[in-house]
C-alpha cells in the first residue's frame, strides 16, 4: 500500500456521522421559547422551559427506585 492510497483510506474513514439532533423535547422547548418571545403564549417561563426539566423530574425518581430495589435485592 503506497502512502497515497494509505492517506486516501485514512481520510475516507475519518469522517464520522453522529445520529444526533436536538430530539423531541429540545424541539418542543425551542418552539415554546419562540412562541413566548413572539408574544403568542403568555405562559410563565417555568412552563415554557418544562420540556427541559420534566424528563429529568421523571427520570430521577425512577433511578432512585431502581437503586433502592437493587440494594434490597442484593441482600
N, C-alpha and C. Protein backbone atom coordinates (compact mmCIF):
# COMPACT_ATOMS: atom_id res chain seq x y z
N UNK A 1 0.85 -1.17 0.00
CA UNK A 1 0.00 0.00 0.00
C UNK A 1 0.89 1.24 0.00
N UNK A 2 0.72 2.08 -0.93
CA UNK A 2 1.53 3.29 -1.01
C UNK A 2 1.02 4.32 -0.03
N UNK A 3 1.85 5.33 0.21
CA UNK A 3 1.45 6.35 1.17
C UNK A 3 0.24 7.13 0.67
N UNK A 4 0.13 7.28 -0.65
CA UNK A 4 -1.01 7.99 -1.20
C UNK A 4 -2.31 7.21 -0.97
N UNK A 5 -2.30 5.92 -1.24
CA UNK A 5 -3.52 5.14 -1.03
C UNK A 5 -3.83 5.01 0.45
N UNK A 6 -2.78 4.94 1.29
CA UNK A 6 -2.98 4.87 2.73
C UNK A 6 -3.64 6.17 3.22
N UNK A 7 -3.18 7.30 2.70
CA UNK A 7 -3.74 8.59 3.08
C UNK A 7 -5.20 8.69 2.65
N UNK A 8 -5.50 8.23 1.46
CA UNK A 8 -6.86 8.28 0.97
C UNK A 8 -7.78 7.40 1.82
N UNK A 9 -7.26 6.24 2.22
CA UNK A 9 -8.05 5.34 3.07
C UNK A 9 -8.33 5.99 4.42
N UNK A 10 -7.31 6.62 4.99
CA UNK A 10 -7.46 7.26 6.28
C UNK A 10 -8.45 8.42 6.21
N UNK A 11 -8.37 9.18 5.16
CA UNK A 11 -9.26 10.33 5.03
C UNK A 11 -10.70 9.89 4.84
N UNK A 12 -10.93 8.80 4.13
CA UNK A 12 -12.31 8.37 3.91
C UNK A 12 -12.94 7.82 5.18
N UNK A 13 -12.14 7.28 6.07
CA UNK A 13 -12.68 6.73 7.31
C UNK A 13 -12.71 7.75 8.44
N UNK A 14 -12.11 8.91 8.24
CA UNK A 14 -12.04 9.87 9.33
C UNK A 14 -13.34 10.66 9.49
N UNK A 15 -14.17 10.67 8.47
CA UNK A 15 -15.43 11.40 8.62
C UNK A 15 -16.41 10.55 9.40
N UNK A 16 -16.92 11.11 10.44
CA UNK A 16 -17.86 10.36 11.27
C UNK A 16 -19.20 11.08 11.25
N UNK A 17 -20.23 10.30 11.22
CA UNK A 17 -21.56 10.88 11.28
C UNK A 17 -22.19 10.47 12.59
N UNK A 18 -22.74 11.41 13.28
CA UNK A 18 -23.40 11.10 14.53
C UNK A 18 -24.90 11.20 14.31
N UNK A 19 -25.59 10.30 14.95
CA UNK A 19 -27.05 10.34 14.85
C UNK A 19 -27.57 11.25 15.95
N UNK A 20 -27.17 12.49 15.88
CA UNK A 20 -27.52 13.44 16.92
C UNK A 20 -28.81 14.17 16.59
N UNK A 21 -28.83 15.40 16.90
CA UNK A 21 -30.02 16.20 16.74
C UNK A 21 -30.48 16.65 18.09
N UNK A 22 -31.48 17.47 18.09
CA UNK A 22 -31.91 18.02 19.37
C UNK A 22 -32.99 17.18 20.04
N UNK A 23 -33.64 16.33 19.30
CA UNK A 23 -34.65 15.49 19.90
C UNK A 23 -35.99 16.19 20.05
N UNK A 24 -36.97 15.43 20.49
CA UNK A 24 -38.33 15.94 20.60
C UNK A 24 -38.45 17.02 21.67
N UNK A 25 -37.90 16.75 22.86
CA UNK A 25 -38.06 17.72 23.94
C UNK A 25 -37.29 19.01 23.65
N UNK A 26 -36.13 18.90 23.00
CA UNK A 26 -35.39 20.09 22.62
C UNK A 26 -36.13 20.93 21.61
N UNK A 27 -36.73 20.25 20.61
CA UNK A 27 -37.52 20.97 19.60
C UNK A 27 -38.75 21.63 20.23
N UNK A 28 -39.37 20.92 21.15
CA UNK A 28 -40.53 21.47 21.83
C UNK A 28 -40.15 22.69 22.67
N UNK A 29 -39.00 22.61 23.33
CA UNK A 29 -38.53 23.76 24.13
C UNK A 29 -38.25 24.95 23.22
N UNK A 30 -37.61 24.72 22.08
CA UNK A 30 -37.33 25.82 21.15
C UNK A 30 -38.64 26.42 20.63
N UNK A 31 -39.60 25.56 20.33
CA UNK A 31 -40.90 26.04 19.86
C UNK A 31 -41.57 26.90 20.93
N UNK A 32 -41.61 26.42 22.16
CA UNK A 32 -42.24 27.17 23.25
C UNK A 32 -41.51 28.50 23.49
N UNK A 33 -40.18 28.48 23.45
CA UNK A 33 -39.42 29.72 23.65
C UNK A 33 -39.75 30.72 22.55
N UNK A 34 -39.81 30.25 21.31
CA UNK A 34 -40.17 31.13 20.20
C UNK A 34 -41.56 31.70 20.34
N UNK A 35 -42.50 30.86 20.75
CA UNK A 35 -43.87 31.34 20.94
C UNK A 35 -43.95 32.35 22.09
N UNK A 36 -43.17 32.11 23.15
CA UNK A 36 -43.16 33.04 24.29
C UNK A 36 -42.56 34.38 23.88
N UNK A 37 -41.42 34.34 23.19
CA UNK A 37 -40.77 35.59 22.78
C UNK A 37 -41.57 36.32 21.72
N UNK A 38 -42.35 35.58 20.92
CA UNK A 38 -43.18 36.22 19.90
C UNK A 38 -44.50 36.74 20.44
N UNK A 39 -44.76 36.50 21.72
CA UNK A 39 -45.98 37.01 22.33
C UNK A 39 -47.22 36.19 22.01
N UNK A 40 -47.04 34.99 21.47
CA UNK A 40 -48.19 34.15 21.12
C UNK A 40 -48.77 33.49 22.37
N UNK A 41 -47.90 33.08 23.28
CA UNK A 41 -48.36 32.47 24.53
C UNK A 41 -47.91 33.36 25.69
N UNK A 42 -48.66 33.33 26.76
CA UNK A 42 -48.30 34.14 27.93
C UNK A 42 -48.04 33.26 29.14
N UNK A 43 -47.46 32.08 28.89
CA UNK A 43 -47.13 31.16 29.98
C UNK A 43 -45.96 31.71 30.77
N UNK A 44 -45.83 31.22 32.00
CA UNK A 44 -44.63 31.57 32.77
C UNK A 44 -43.45 30.82 32.18
N UNK A 45 -42.25 31.33 32.46
CA UNK A 45 -41.04 30.70 31.93
C UNK A 45 -40.85 29.30 32.49
N UNK A 46 -41.42 29.03 33.65
CA UNK A 46 -41.34 27.68 34.22
C UNK A 46 -41.97 26.67 33.27
N UNK A 47 -43.13 26.99 32.71
CA UNK A 47 -43.81 26.06 31.80
C UNK A 47 -43.25 26.12 30.39
N UNK A 48 -42.71 27.25 30.01
CA UNK A 48 -42.08 27.33 28.68
C UNK A 48 -40.87 26.41 28.63
N UNK A 49 -40.13 26.35 29.71
CA UNK A 49 -38.94 25.51 29.77
C UNK A 49 -39.22 24.11 30.30
N UNK A 50 -40.47 23.76 30.51
CA UNK A 50 -40.81 22.45 31.05
C UNK A 50 -40.36 21.27 30.20
N UNK A 51 -40.29 21.36 28.86
CA UNK A 51 -39.76 20.21 28.13
C UNK A 51 -38.32 19.87 28.48
N UNK A 52 -37.62 20.79 29.11
CA UNK A 52 -36.24 20.52 29.51
C UNK A 52 -36.15 19.89 30.89
N UNK A 53 -37.04 20.24 31.80
CA UNK A 53 -36.92 19.71 33.15
C UNK A 53 -37.88 18.58 33.47
N UNK A 54 -38.97 18.43 32.77
CA UNK A 54 -39.92 17.36 33.08
C UNK A 54 -39.31 15.96 32.87
N UNK A 55 -38.59 15.69 31.77
CA UNK A 55 -37.98 14.35 31.65
C UNK A 55 -36.99 14.05 32.78
N UNK A 56 -36.27 15.07 33.23
CA UNK A 56 -35.35 14.88 34.35
C UNK A 56 -36.12 14.61 35.64
N UNK A 57 -37.23 15.31 35.83
CA UNK A 57 -38.05 15.11 37.02
C UNK A 57 -38.69 13.72 37.04
N UNK A 58 -38.89 13.13 35.88
CA UNK A 58 -39.43 11.76 35.80
C UNK A 58 -38.31 10.74 35.99
N UNK A 59 -37.14 11.02 35.45
CA UNK A 59 -36.04 10.06 35.49
C UNK A 59 -35.45 9.90 36.88
N UNK A 60 -35.36 10.97 37.64
CA UNK A 60 -34.72 10.91 38.96
C UNK A 60 -35.45 9.95 39.91
N UNK A 61 -36.79 10.01 40.04
CA UNK A 61 -37.45 9.03 40.92
C UNK A 61 -37.30 7.59 40.42
N UNK A 62 -37.30 7.39 39.11
CA UNK A 62 -37.13 6.04 38.58
C UNK A 62 -35.75 5.50 38.92
N UNK A 63 -34.73 6.33 38.79
CA UNK A 63 -33.37 5.91 39.13
C UNK A 63 -33.26 5.63 40.63
N UNK A 64 -33.87 6.47 41.45
CA UNK A 64 -33.83 6.26 42.90
C UNK A 64 -34.52 4.96 43.29
N UNK A 65 -35.65 4.66 42.68
CA UNK A 65 -36.36 3.42 42.96
C UNK A 65 -35.50 2.22 42.53
N UNK A 66 -34.86 2.32 41.38
CA UNK A 66 -34.00 1.23 40.90
C UNK A 66 -32.82 1.00 41.84
N UNK A 67 -32.24 2.07 42.37
CA UNK A 67 -31.10 1.93 43.29
C UNK A 67 -31.56 1.29 44.59
N UNK A 68 -32.70 1.74 45.11
CA UNK A 68 -33.21 1.17 46.36
C UNK A 68 -33.56 -0.31 46.18
N UNK A 69 -34.22 -0.64 45.08
CA UNK A 69 -34.57 -2.03 44.82
C UNK A 69 -33.33 -2.91 44.64
N UNK A 70 -32.34 -2.41 43.96
CA UNK A 70 -31.13 -3.20 43.77
C UNK A 70 -30.39 -3.39 45.09
N UNK A 71 -30.47 -2.42 46.00
CA UNK A 71 -29.83 -2.56 47.30
C UNK A 71 -30.53 -3.62 48.12
N UNK A 72 -31.86 -3.69 48.04
CA UNK A 72 -32.59 -4.68 48.80
C UNK A 72 -32.49 -6.07 48.18
N UNK A 73 -32.41 -6.15 46.88
CA UNK A 73 -32.35 -7.46 46.20
C UNK A 73 -30.96 -8.08 46.30
N UNK A 74 -29.93 -7.29 46.56
CA UNK A 74 -28.57 -7.83 46.70
C UNK A 74 -28.38 -8.54 48.02
N UNK A 75 -29.22 -8.27 48.99
CA UNK A 75 -29.04 -8.88 50.33
C UNK A 75 -29.54 -10.26 50.38
